[in-house]
Amino acid sequence: MSGLVDEQGRPSKPGGQPNLGLKQKGPFEYSRGSITSTRDVTFGGVAVGDRVDLTLGIRIKKRQTAVLALKKGGTDLKLRPAPKNVVSDLRKTLGKAADEKWVAYNFSWESTLGTTVESKLKLKNFSHTVPANGFQVVTVALCHSDVGFSKGPYSYGISVLPGKNSTGVQLLGGGG
């Protein structure tokens, strides 16, 4: 996966690359103070090598709870909560504001799955932390689990989630 390895499968240089595309698939859903966003997530490059364990981090508001599902071809990818030291690594490497936190998951990926997956993110307590006329920027970061964010290469993208009265907009560069 570009950003994580080069075309020969060797680890890339440490640091982040904005090559994680997040494309909204339909309208945002609002229910009981929550927002649900379904997107195609594209890794910016070719998938190479055998099965790898990856870590996915999402930066959200402290009062929010994230419920995430990843699918490929109708099959759920099994997400596991990442260890607490991963959240510390994300905080140290990518930072956070006083009213934010990181949530992180581990999952396995095989090159035969390609470079695009469907994600469904539900943020509970969204309307309690984001005004109806406002929006929230959510950072998403991905790295190899055995290297981590501070020591190795990682990919990242941003997602803009609109308040109930706001209009979502697709950002250039793969975000949205």
Foldseek 3Di string as FASTA:
>chain_A
DPQQAPPVRHGDAADEDAFWAWAFDDDWDDDPQKIKTKTKIFGRDADDDFKFKKKKKKKDFPPKDKDKWKAQPNHTWDKAWDDPVLQVLCCVQVNDDPGMGMTMIMTMDGSVSIGIIMMMMMIHNNCVPAPQQGKDKMKMKMYGPVQGRPGGGIYIEIEIGHHNNYDGDADPSRYD
